[in-house]
Amino acid sequence: AVKRAAIASSRRVIAVADGAKLTRSALAFVTPASALHCVVTDHDAP
């Protein structure tokens, strides 16, 4: 809920995630990927 509030109050959204997280899904939905302007991950991301 806090993540959603932060996204709603911002003009640009940068998500940060190491490569392992790009293969996971957790319980609580925050926002569709299309709402993100940029994702910064590591060079080992699949």
All heavy atoms as atom14 arrays in JSON, in Angstrom:
{
  "sequence": "AVKRAAIASSRRVIAVADGAKLTRSALAFVTPASALHCVVTDHDAP",
  "atom14_mask": [
    [1, 1, 1, 1, 1, 0, 0, 0, 0, 0, 0, 0, 0, 0],
    [1, 1, 1, 1, 1, 1, 1, 0, 0, 0, 0, 0, 0, 0],
    [1, 1, 1, 1, 1, 1, 1, 1, 1, 0, 0, 0, 0, 0],
    [1, 1, 1, 1, 1, 1, 1, 1, 1, 1, 1, 0, 0, 0],
    [1, 1, 1, 1, 1, 0, 0, 0, 0, 0, 0, 0, 0, 0],
    [1, 1, 1, 1, 1, 0, 0, 0, 0, 0, 0, 0, 0, 0],
    [1, 1, 1, 1, 1, 1, 1, 1, 0, 0, 0, 0, 0, 0],
    [1, 1, 1, 1, 1, 0, 0, 0, 0, 0, 0, 0, 0, 0],
    [1, 1, 1, 1, 1, 1, 0, 0, 0, 0, 0, 0, 0, 0],
    [1, 1, 1, 1, 1, 1, 0, 0, 0, 0, 0, 0, 0, 0],
    [1, 1, 1, 1, 1, 1, 1, 1, 1, 1, 1, 0, 0, 0],
    [1, 1, 1, 1, 1, 1, 1, 1, 1, 1, 1, 0, 0, 0],
    [1, 1, 1, 1, 1, 1, 1, 0, 0, 0, 0, 0, 0, 0],
    [1, 1, 1, 1, 1, 1, 1, 1, 0, 0, 0, 0, 0, 0],
    [1, 1, 1, 1, 1, 0, 0, 0, 0, 0, 0, 0, 0, 0],
    [1, 1, 1, 1, 1, 1, 1, 0, 0, 0, 0, 0, 0, 0],
    [1, 1, 1, 1, 1, 0, 0, 0, 0, 0, 0, 0, 0, 0],
    [1, 1, 1, 1, 1, 1, 1, 1, 0, 0, 0, 0, 0, 0],
    [1, 1, 1, 1, 0, 0, 0, 0, 0, 0, 0, 0, 0, 0],
    [1, 1, 1, 1, 1, 0, 0, 0, 0, 0, 0, 0, 0, 0],
    [1, 1, 1, 1, 1, 1, 1, 1, 1, 0, 0, 0, 0, 0],
    [1, 1, 1, 1, 1, 1, 1, 1, 0, 0, 0, 0, 0, 0],
    [1, 1, 1, 1, 1, 1, 1, 0, 0, 0, 0, 0, 0, 0],
    [1, 1, 1, 1, 1, 1, 1, 1, 1, 1, 1, 0, 0, 0],
    [1, 1, 1, 1, 1, 1, 0, 0, 0, 0, 0, 0, 0, 0],
    [1, 1, 1, 1, 1, 0, 0, 0, 0, 0, 0, 0, 0, 0],
    [1, 1, 1, 1, 1, 1, 1, 1, 0, 0, 0, 0, 0, 0],
    [1, 1, 1, 1, 1, 0, 0, 0, 0, 0, 0, 0, 0, 0],
    [1, 1, 1, 1, 1, 1, 1, 1, 1, 1, 1, 0, 0, 0],
    [1, 1, 1, 1, 1, 1, 1, 0, 0, 0, 0, 0, 0, 0],
    [1, 1, 1, 1, 1, 1, 1, 0, 0, 0, 0, 0, 0, 0],
    [1, 1, 1, 1, 1, 1, 1, 0, 0, 0, 0, 0, 0, 0],
    [1, 1, 1, 1, 1, 0, 0, 0, 0, 0, 0, 0, 0, 0],
    [1, 1, 1, 1, 1, 1, 0, 0, 0, 0, 0, 0, 0, 0],
    [1, 1, 1, 1, 1, 0, 0, 0, 0, 0, 0, 0, 0, 0],
    [1, 1, 1, 1, 1, 1, 1, 1, 0, 0, 0, 0, 0, 0],
    [1, 1, 1, 1, 1, 1, 1, 1, 1, 1, 0, 0, 0, 0],
    [1, 1, 1, 1, 1, 1, 0, 0, 0, 0, 0, 0, 0, 0],
    [1, 1, 1, 1, 1, 1, 1, 0, 0, 0, 0, 0, 0, 0],
    [1, 1, 1, 1, 1, 1, 1, 0, 0, 0, 0, 0, 0, 0],
    [1, 1, 1, 1, 1, 1, 1, 0, 0, 0, 0, 0, 0, 0],
    [1, 1, 1, 1, 1, 1, 1, 1, 0, 0, 0, 0, 0, 0],
    [1, 1, 1, 1, 1, 1, 1, 1, 1, 1, 0, 0, 0, 0],
    [1, 1, 1, 1, 1, 1, 1, 1, 0, 0, 0, 0, 0, 0],
    [1, 1, 1, 1, 1, 0, 0, 0, 0, 0, 0, 0, 0, 0],
    [1, 1, 1, 1, 1, 1, 1, 0, 0, 0, 0, 0, 0, 0]
  ],
  "atom14_positions": [
    [[0.83, -1.21, 0.0], [0.0, 0.0, 0.0], [0.86, 1.25, 0.0], [0.54, 2.25, -0.69], [-0.93, 0.0, 1.21], [0.0, 0.0, 0.0], [0.0, 0.0, 0.0], [0.0, 0.0, 0.0], [0.0, 0.0, 0.0], [0.0, 0.0, 0.0], [0.0, 0.0, 0.0], [0.0, 0.0, 0.0], [0.0, 0.0, 0.0], [0.0, 0.0, 0.0]],
    [[1.96, 1.24, 0.73], [2.87, 2.39, 0.76], [3.54, 2.57, -0.6], [3.68, 3.69, -1.11], [3.91, 2.24, 1.88], [5.0, 3.29, 1.76], [3.23, 2.35, 3.24], [0.0, 0.0, 0.0], [0.0, 0.0, 0.0], [0.0, 0.0, 0.0], [0.0, 0.0, 0.0], [0.0, 0.0, 0.0], [0.0, 0.0, 0.0], [0.0, 0.0, 0.0]],
    [[3.96, 1.47, -1.22], [4.56, 1.56, -2.55], [3.58, 2.19, -3.54], [3.96, 3.04, -4.36], [4.99, 0.17, -3.03], [6.14, -0.47, -2.26], [6.46, -1.84, -2.82], [7.38, -2.65, -1.94], [8.7, -2.04, -1.72], [0.0, 0.0, 0.0], [0.0, 0.0, 0.0], [0.0, 0.0, 0.0], [0.0, 0.0, 0.0], [0.0, 0.0, 0.0]],
    [[2.32, 1.77, -3.49], [1.32, 2.33, -4.4], [1.15, 3.83, -4.17], [1.03, 4.61, -5.12], [-0.02, 1.61, -4.23], [-0.06, 0.23, -4.87], [-1.47, -0.31, -4.95], [-2.04, -0.57, -3.64], [-1.92, -1.73, -2.99], [-1.25, -2.74, -3.53], [-2.48, -1.89, -1.81], [0.0, 0.0, 0.0], [0.0, 0.0, 0.0], [0.0, 0.0, 0.0]],
    [[1.15, 4.23, -2.9], [1.01, 5.66, -2.59], [2.21, 6.45, -3.09], [2.06, 7.58, -3.6], [0.85, 5.84, -1.08], [0.0, 0.0, 0.0], [0.0, 0.0, 0.0], [0.0, 0.0, 0.0], [0.0, 0.0, 0.0], [0.0, 0.0, 0.0], [0.0, 0.0, 0.0], [0.0, 0.0, 0.0], [0.0, 0.0, 0.0], [0.0, 0.0, 0.0]],
    [[3.41, 5.9, -2.97], [4.61, 6.58, -3.46], [4.57, 6.73, -4.98], [4.91, 7.78, -5.53], [5.86, 5.81, -3.03], [0.0, 0.0, 0.0], [0.0, 0.0, 0.0], [0.0, 0.0, 0.0], [0.0, 0.0, 0.0], [0.0, 0.0, 0.0], [0.0, 0.0, 0.0], [0.0, 0.0, 0.0], [0.0, 0.0, 0.0], [0.0, 0.0, 0.0]],
    [[4.14, 5.67, -5.66], [4.04, 5.71, -7.13], [3.01, 6.75, -7.56], [3.24, 7.52, -8.5], [3.7, 4.31, -7.66], [4.9, 3.38, -7.47], [3.27, 4.36, -9.12], [4.59, 1.91, -7.72], [0.0, 0.0, 0.0], [0.0, 0.0, 0.0], [0.0, 0.0, 0.0], [0.0, 0.0, 0.0], [0.0, 0.0, 0.0], [0.0, 0.0, 0.0]],
    [[1.86, 6.79, -6.87], [0.79, 7.72, -7.24], [1.21, 9.18, -7.06], [0.67, 10.07, -7.73], [-0.45, 7.44, -6.4], [0.0, 0.0, 0.0], [0.0, 0.0, 0.0], [0.0, 0.0, 0.0], [0.0, 0.0, 0.0], [0.0, 0.0, 0.0], [0.0, 0.0, 0.0], [0.0, 0.0, 0.0], [0.0, 0.0, 0.0], [0.0, 0.0, 0.0]],
    [[2.2, 9.43, -6.19], [2.63, 10.8, -5.91], [3.85, 11.22, -6.7], [4.42, 12.28, -6.44], [2.91, 10.96, -4.41], [1.72, 10.84, -3.66], [0.0, 0.0, 0.0], [0.0, 0.0, 0.0], [0.0, 0.0, 0.0], [0.0, 0.0, 0.0], [0.0, 0.0, 0.0], [0.0, 0.0, 0.0], [0.0, 0.0, 0.0], [0.0, 0.0, 0.0]],
    [[4.26, 10.41, -7.68], [5.52, 10.68, -8.37], [5.32, 10.77, -9.88], [4.51, 10.04, -10.46], [6.54, 9.59, -8.05], [6.76, 9.51, -6.65], [0.0, 0.0, 0.0], [0.0, 0.0, 0.0], [0.0, 0.0, 0.0], [0.0, 0.0, 0.0], [0.0, 0.0, 0.0], [0.0, 0.0, 0.0], [0.0, 0.0, 0.0], [0.0, 0.0, 0.0]],
    [[6.08, 11.63, -10.52], [6.01, 11.81, -11.96], [6.76, 10.71, -12.71], [6.42, 10.4, -13.85], [6.59, 13.17, -12.35], [5.82, 14.35, -11.76], [6.45, 15.67, -12.19], [5.74, 16.78, -11.56], [6.07, 17.29, -10.38], [7.09, 16.79, -9.7], [5.38, 18.3, -9.86], [0.0, 0.0, 0.0], [0.0, 0.0, 0.0], [0.0, 0.0, 0.0]],
    [[7.79, 10.15, -12.09], [8.6, 9.11, -12.71], [8.86, 8.01, -11.7], [9.06, 8.28, -10.52], [9.94, 9.71, -13.19], [10.88, 8.69, -13.79], [12.17, 9.33, -14.31], [12.96, 9.93, -13.24], [14.28, 10.12, -13.3], [14.94, 9.77, -14.39], [14.93, 10.68, -12.31], [0.0, 0.0, 0.0], [0.0, 0.0, 0.0], [0.0, 0.0, 0.0]],
    [[8.83, 6.77, -12.17], [9.02, 5.62, -11.27], [10.19, 4.78, -11.77], [10.18, 4.28, -12.9], [7.76, 4.75, -11.19], [7.98, 3.6, -10.2], [6.55, 5.58, -10.77], [0.0, 0.0, 0.0], [0.0, 0.0, 0.0], [0.0, 0.0, 0.0], [0.0, 0.0, 0.0], [0.0, 0.0, 0.0], [0.0, 0.0, 0.0], [0.0, 0.0, 0.0]],
    [[11.19, 4.63, -10.92], [12.34, 3.76, -11.18], [12.25, 2.57, -10.22], [12.25, 2.77, -9.01], [13.67, 4.49, -10.98], [13.77, 5.7, -11.92], [14.84, 3.55, -11.18], [14.99, 6.58, -11.63], [0.0, 0.0, 0.0], [0.0, 0.0, 0.0], [0.0, 0.0, 0.0], [0.0, 0.0, 0.0], [0.0, 0.0, 0.0], [0.0, 0.0, 0.0]],
    [[12.16, 1.38, -10.76], [12.17, 0.18, -9.92], [13.58, -0.38, -9.87], [14.3, -0.38, -10.88], [11.21, -0.87, -10.47], [0.0, 0.0, 0.0], [0.0, 0.0, 0.0], [0.0, 0.0, 0.0], [0.0, 0.0, 0.0], [0.0, 0.0, 0.0], [0.0, 0.0, 0.0], [0.0, 0.0, 0.0], [0.0, 0.0, 0.0], [0.0, 0.0, 0.0]],
    [[13.98, -0.84, -8.7], [15.3, -1.45, -8.53], [15.11, -2.9, -8.11], [14.32, -3.21, -7.22], [16.16, -0.69, -7.51], [16.51, 0.69, -8.04], [15.46, -0.56, -6.16], [0.0, 0.0, 0.0], [0.0, 0.0, 0.0], [0.0, 0.0, 0.0], [0.0, 0.0, 0.0], [0.0, 0.0, 0.0], [0.0, 0.0, 0.0], [0.0, 0.0, 0.0]],
    [[15.83, -3.81, -8.77], [15.67, -5.23, -8.49], [16.88, -6.0, -9.0], [17.25, -5.84, -10.17], [14.4, -5.77, -9.15], [0.0, 0.0, 0.0], [0.0, 0.0, 0.0], [0.0, 0.0, 0.0], [0.0, 0.0, 0.0], [0.0, 0.0, 0.0], [0.0, 0.0, 0.0], [0.0, 0.0, 0.0], [0.0, 0.0, 0.0], [0.0, 0.0, 0.0]],
    [[17.5, -6.79, -8.14], [18.55, -7.66, -8.65], [17.91, -8.7, -9.57], [16.7, -8.93, -9.56], [19.32, -8.32, -7.5], [18.47, -9.22, -6.64], [18.14, -10.34, -7.1], [18.11, -8.82, -5.51], [0.0, 0.0, 0.0], [0.0, 0.0, 0.0], [0.0, 0.0, 0.0], [0.0, 0.0, 0.0], [0.0, 0.0, 0.0], [0.0, 0.0, 0.0]],
    [[18.73, -9.32, -10.4], [18.22, -10.18, -11.45], [17.34, -11.31, -10.97], [16.4, -11.72, -11.67], [0.0, 0.0, 0.0], [0.0, 0.0, 0.0], [0.0, 0.0, 0.0], [0.0, 0.0, 0.0], [0.0, 0.0, 0.0], [0.0, 0.0, 0.0], [0.0, 0.0, 0.0], [0.0, 0.0, 0.0], [0.0, 0.0, 0.0], [0.0, 0.0, 0.0]],
    [[17.61, -11.85, -9.77], [16.82, -12.97, -9.26], [15.36, -12.59, -9.07], [14.47, -13.44, -9.2], [17.41, -13.47, -7.94], [0.0, 0.0, 0.0], [0.0, 0.0, 0.0], [0.0, 0.0, 0.0], [0.0, 0.0, 0.0], [0.0, 0.0, 0.0], [0.0, 0.0, 0.0], [0.0, 0.0, 0.0], [0.0, 0.0, 0.0], [0.0, 0.0, 0.0]],
    [[15.08, -11.33, -8.78], [13.7, -10.91, -8.53], [12.86, -10.87, -9.81], [11.64, -10.85, -9.75], [13.68, -9.55, -7.84], [14.21, -9.62, -6.41], [14.19, -8.27, -5.73], [14.72, -8.39, -4.31], [14.79, -7.07, -3.62], [0.0, 0.0, 0.0], [0.0, 0.0, 0.0], [0.0, 0.0, 0.0], [0.0, 0.0, 0.0], [0.0, 0.0, 0.0]],
    [[13.52, -10.85, -10.96], [12.79, -10.82, -12.22], [12.2, -12.19, -12.56], [11.48, -12.31, -13.56], [13.71, -10.36, -13.36], [14.37, -8.99, -13.17], [15.08, -8.58, -14.46], [13.37, -7.92, -12.75], [0.0, 0.0, 0.0], [0.0, 0.0, 0.0], [0.0, 0.0, 0.0], [0.0, 0.0, 0.0], [0.0, 0.0, 0.0], [0.0, 0.0, 0.0]],
    [[12.47, -13.19, -11.74], [11.88, -14.52, -11.93], [10.92, -14.87, -10.79], [10.49, -16.01, -10.69], [12.98, -15.59, -12.01], [13.71, -15.62, -10.77], [13.95, -15.28, -13.15], [0.0, 0.0, 0.0], [0.0, 0.0, 0.0], [0.0, 0.0, 0.0], [0.0, 0.0, 0.0], [0.0, 0.0, 0.0], [0.0, 0.0, 0.0], [0.0, 0.0, 0.0]],
    [[10.58, -13.89, -9.95], [9.73, -14.15, -8.78], [8.45, -13.35, -8.82], [8.37, -12.3, -9.46], [10.48, -13.8, -7.48], [11.74, -14.58, -7.23], [12.41, -14.05, -5.97], [13.73, -14.62, -5.79], [14.66, -14.1, -4.99], [14.4, -12.99, -4.31], [15.84, -14.68, -4.89], [0.0, 0.0, 0.0], [0.0, 0.0, 0.0], [0.0, 0.0, 0.0]],
    [[7.46, -13.83, -8.08], [6.23, -13.09, -7.86], [5.82, -13.29, -6.41], [5.89, -14.4, -5.89], [5.12, -13.59, -8.78], [3.93, -12.86, -8.56], [0.0, 0.0, 0.0], [0.0, 0.0, 0.0], [0.0, 0.0, 0.0], [0.0, 0.0, 0.0], [0.0, 0.0, 0.0], [0.0, 0.0, 0.0], [0.0, 0.0, 0.0], [0.0, 0.0, 0.0]],
    [[5.44, -12.21, -5.73], [5.02, -12.27, -4.33], [3.51, -12.05, -4.24], [2.83, -11.78, -5.23], [5.78, -11.25, -3.51], [0.0, 0.0, 0.0], [0.0, 0.0, 0.0], [0.0, 0.0, 0.0], [0.0, 0.0, 0.0], [0.0, 0.0, 0.0], [0.0, 0.0, 0.0], [0.0, 0.0, 0.0], [0.0, 0.0, 0.0], [0.0, 0.0, 0.0]],
    [[3.0, -12.13, -3.03], [1.55, -12.13, -2.8], [0.86, -10.83, -3.19], [-0.19, -10.82, -3.83], [1.28, -12.44, -1.32], [-0.17, -12.32, -0.85], [-1.04, -13.39, -1.51], [-0.25, -12.41, 0.68], [0.0, 0.0, 0.0], [0.0, 0.0, 0.0], [0.0, 0.0, 0.0], [0.0, 0.0, 0.0], [0.0, 0.0, 0.0], [0.0, 0.0, 0.0]],
    [[1.43, -9.7, -2.77], [0.72, -8.42, -2.85], [1.06, -7.68, -4.15], [2.21, -7.3, -4.38], [1.08, -7.55, -1.64], [0.0, 0.0, 0.0], [0.0, 0.0, 0.0], [0.0, 0.0, 0.0], [0.0, 0.0, 0.0], [0.0, 0.0, 0.0], [0.0, 0.0, 0.0], [0.0, 0.0, 0.0], [0.0, 0.0, 0.0], [0.0, 0.0, 0.0]],
    [[0.06, -7.46, -4.98], [0.24, -6.71, -6.22], [0.39, -5.23, -5.91], [-0.37, -4.67, -5.12], [-0.96, -6.94, -7.14], [-0.93, -6.12, -8.39], [-0.1, -6.46, -9.44], [-1.75, -5.0, -8.51], [-0.08, -5.7, -10.6], [-1.73, -4.24, -9.67], [-0.89, -4.59, -10.72], [0.0, 0.0, 0.0], [0.0, 0.0, 0.0], [0.0, 0.0, 0.0]],
    [[1.36, -4.59, -6.55], [1.59, -3.16, -6.36], [1.18, -2.36, -7.59], [0.35, -1.47, -7.52], [3.08, -2.87, -6.02], [3.33, -1.37, -5.91], [3.47, -3.57, -4.72], [0.0, 0.0, 0.0], [0.0, 0.0, 0.0], [0.0, 0.0, 0.0], [0.0, 0.0, 0.0], [0.0, 0.0, 0.0], [0.0, 0.0, 0.0], [0.0, 0.0, 0.0]],
    [[1.75, -2.7, -8.74], [1.46, -1.95, -9.96], [1.84, -2.79, -11.18], [2.74, -3.64, -11.08], [2.25, -0.61, -9.98], [1.75, 0.25, -10.99], [3.73, -0.83, -10.19], [0.0, 0.0, 0.0], [0.0, 0.0, 0.0], [0.0, 0.0, 0.0], [0.0, 0.0, 0.0], [0.0, 0.0, 0.0], [0.0, 0.0, 0.0], [0.0, 0.0, 0.0]],
    [[1.18, -2.59, -12.31], [1.62, -3.3, -13.52], [3.0, -2.82, -13.96], [3.38, -1.68, -13.71], [0.54, -2.95, -14.54], [-0.09, -1.7, -14.03], [0.0, -1.74, -12.54], [0.0, 0.0, 0.0], [0.0, 0.0, 0.0], [0.0, 0.0, 0.0], [0.0, 0.0, 0.0], [0.0, 0.0, 0.0], [0.0, 0.0, 0.0], [0.0, 0.0, 0.0]],
    [[3.72, -3.7, -14.64], [5.05, -3.33, -15.11], [5.01, -2.12, -16.04], [5.93, -1.3, -16.06], [5.69, -4.53, -15.81], [0.0, 0.0, 0.0], [0.0, 0.0, 0.0], [0.0, 0.0, 0.0], [0.0, 0.0, 0.0], [0.0, 0.0, 0.0], [0.0, 0.0, 0.0], [0.0, 0.0, 0.0], [0.0, 0.0, 0.0], [0.0, 0.0, 0.0]],
    [[3.94, -1.99, -16.8], [3.83, -0.88, -17.76], [3.78, 0.49, -17.08], [3.98, 1.51, -17.74], [2.59, -1.07, -18.64], [1.42, -1.15, -17.84], [0.0, 0.0, 0.0], [0.0, 0.0, 0.0], [0.0, 0.0, 0.0], [0.0, 0.0, 0.0], [0.0, 0.0, 0.0], [0.0, 0.0, 0.0], [0.0, 0.0, 0.0], [0.0, 0.0, 0.0]],
    [[3.5, 0.53, -15.77], [3.48, 1.81, -15.04], [4.88, 2.27, -14.66], [5.05, 3.4, -14.2], [2.62, 1.67, -13.78], [0.0, 0.0, 0.0], [0.0, 0.0, 0.0], [0.0, 0.0, 0.0], [0.0, 0.0, 0.0], [0.0, 0.0, 0.0], [0.0, 0.0, 0.0], [0.0, 0.0, 0.0], [0.0, 0.0, 0.0], [0.0, 0.0, 0.0]],
    [[5.88, 1.41, -14.84], [7.25, 1.76, -14.5], [7.92, 2.44, -15.69], [7.76, 2.03, -16.83], [8.04, 0.5, -14.12], [7.42, -0.38, -13.04], [8.23, -1.66, -12.88], [7.33, 0.37, -11.71], [0.0, 0.0, 0.0], [0.0, 0.0, 0.0], [0.0, 0.0, 0.0], [0.0, 0.0, 0.0], [0.0, 0.0, 0.0], [0.0, 0.0, 0.0]],
    [[8.66, 3.49, -15.41], [9.4, 4.16, -16.48], [10.73, 3.47, -16.74], [11.2, 3.43, -17.88], [9.63, 5.63, -16.11], [8.36, 6.4, -15.99], [7.66, 6.49, -14.8], [7.64, 7.08, -16.9], [6.57, 7.22, -14.98], [6.53, 7.59, -16.24], [0.0, 0.0, 0.0], [0.0, 0.0, 0.0], [0.0, 0.0, 0.0], [0.0, 0.0, 0.0]],
    [[11.33, 2.94, -15.69], [12.66, 2.34, -15.82], [12.82, 1.27, -14.76], [12.33, 1.41, -13.64], [13.73, 3.43, -15.67], [15.42, 2.83, -15.81], [0.0, 0.0, 0.0], [0.0, 0.0, 0.0], [0.0, 0.0, 0.0], [0.0, 0.0, 0.0], [0.0, 0.0, 0.0], [0.0, 0.0, 0.0], [0.0, 0.0, 0.0], [0.0, 0.0, 0.0]],
    [[13.52, 0.2, -15.11], [13.94, -0.82, -14.16], [15.46, -0.89, -14.21], [16.05, -1.01, -15.29], [13.35, -2.21, -14.51], [13.96, -3.3, -13.63], [11.83, -2.2, -14.35], [0.0, 0.0, 0.0], [0.0, 0.0, 0.0], [0.0, 0.0, 0.0], [0.0, 0.0, 0.0], [0.0, 0.0, 0.0], [0.0, 0.0, 0.0], [0.0, 0.0, 0.0]],
    [[16.09, -0.79, -13.05], [17.54, -0.95, -12.96], [17.82, -2.28, -12.28], [17.38, -2.51, -11.15], [18.19, 0.2, -12.19], [19.72, 0.02, -12.17], [17.84, 1.55, -12.82], [0.0, 0.0, 0.0], [0.0, 0.0, 0.0], [0.0, 0.0, 0.0], [0.0, 0.0, 0.0], [0.0, 0.0, 0.0], [0.0, 0.0, 0.0], [0.0, 0.0, 0.0]],
    [[18.52, -3.14, -12.98], [18.85, -4.46, -12.47], [20.35, -4.7, -12.64], [21.09, -3.79, -13.04], [18.0, -5.55, -13.16], [18.24, -6.82, -12.54], [18.31, -5.65, -14.64], [0.0, 0.0, 0.0], [0.0, 0.0, 0.0], [0.0, 0.0, 0.0], [0.0, 0.0, 0.0], [0.0, 0.0, 0.0], [0.0, 0.0, 0.0], [0.0, 0.0, 0.0]],
    [[20.81, -5.91, -12.35], [22.24, -6.19, -12.49], [22.52, -6.9, -13.8], [21.6, -7.37, -14.49], [22.74, -7.0, -11.29], [22.09, -8.35, -11.19], [22.59, -9.29, -11.84], [21.07, -8.47, -10.48], [0.0, 0.0, 0.0], [0.0, 0.0, 0.0], [0.0, 0.0, 0.0], [0.0, 0.0, 0.0], [0.0, 0.0, 0.0], [0.0, 0.0, 0.0]],
    [[23.8, -7.0, -14.15], [24.15, -7.56, -15.46], [23.92, -9.06, -15.56], [23.98, -9.62, -16.65], [25.6, -7.22, -15.84], [26.62, -7.67, -14.85], [26.85, -8.99, -14.52], [27.5, -6.95, -14.1], [27.81, -9.08, -13.64], [28.22, -7.87, -13.35], [0.0, 0.0, 0.0], [0.0, 0.0, 0.0], [0.0, 0.0, 0.0], [0.0, 0.0, 0.0]],
    [[23.64, -9.73, -14.42], [23.34, -11.16, -14.45], [21.84, -11.45, -14.6], [21.44, -12.61, -14.57], [23.85, -11.83, -13.16], [25.36, -11.82, -13.07], [26.0, -11.92, -14.13], [25.9, -11.7, -11.96], [0.0, 0.0, 0.0], [0.0, 0.0, 0.0], [0.0, 0.0, 0.0], [0.0, 0.0, 0.0], [0.0, 0.0, 0.0], [0.0, 0.0, 0.0]],
    [[21.03, -10.43, -14.75], [19.59, -10.64, -14.92], [19.31, -11.51, -16.14], [19.9, -11.3, -17.2], [18.88, -9.3, -15.06], [0.0, 0.0, 0.0], [0.0, 0.0, 0.0], [0.0, 0.0, 0.0], [0.0, 0.0, 0.0], [0.0, 0.0, 0.0], [0.0, 0.0, 0.0], [0.0, 0.0, 0.0], [0.0, 0.0, 0.0], [0.0, 0.0, 0.0]],
    [[18.43, -12.5, -16.01], [18.14, -13.39, -17.15], [17.53, -12.62, -18.32], [16.74, -11.69, -18.13], [17.17, -14.42, -16.57], [16.64, -13.82, -15.31], [17.69, -12.9, -14.8], [0.0, 0.0, 0.0], [0.0, 0.0, 0.0], [0.0, 0.0, 0.0], [0.0, 0.0, 0.0], [0.0, 0.0, 0.0], [0.0, 0.0, 0.0], [0.0, 0.0, 0.0]]
  ]
}
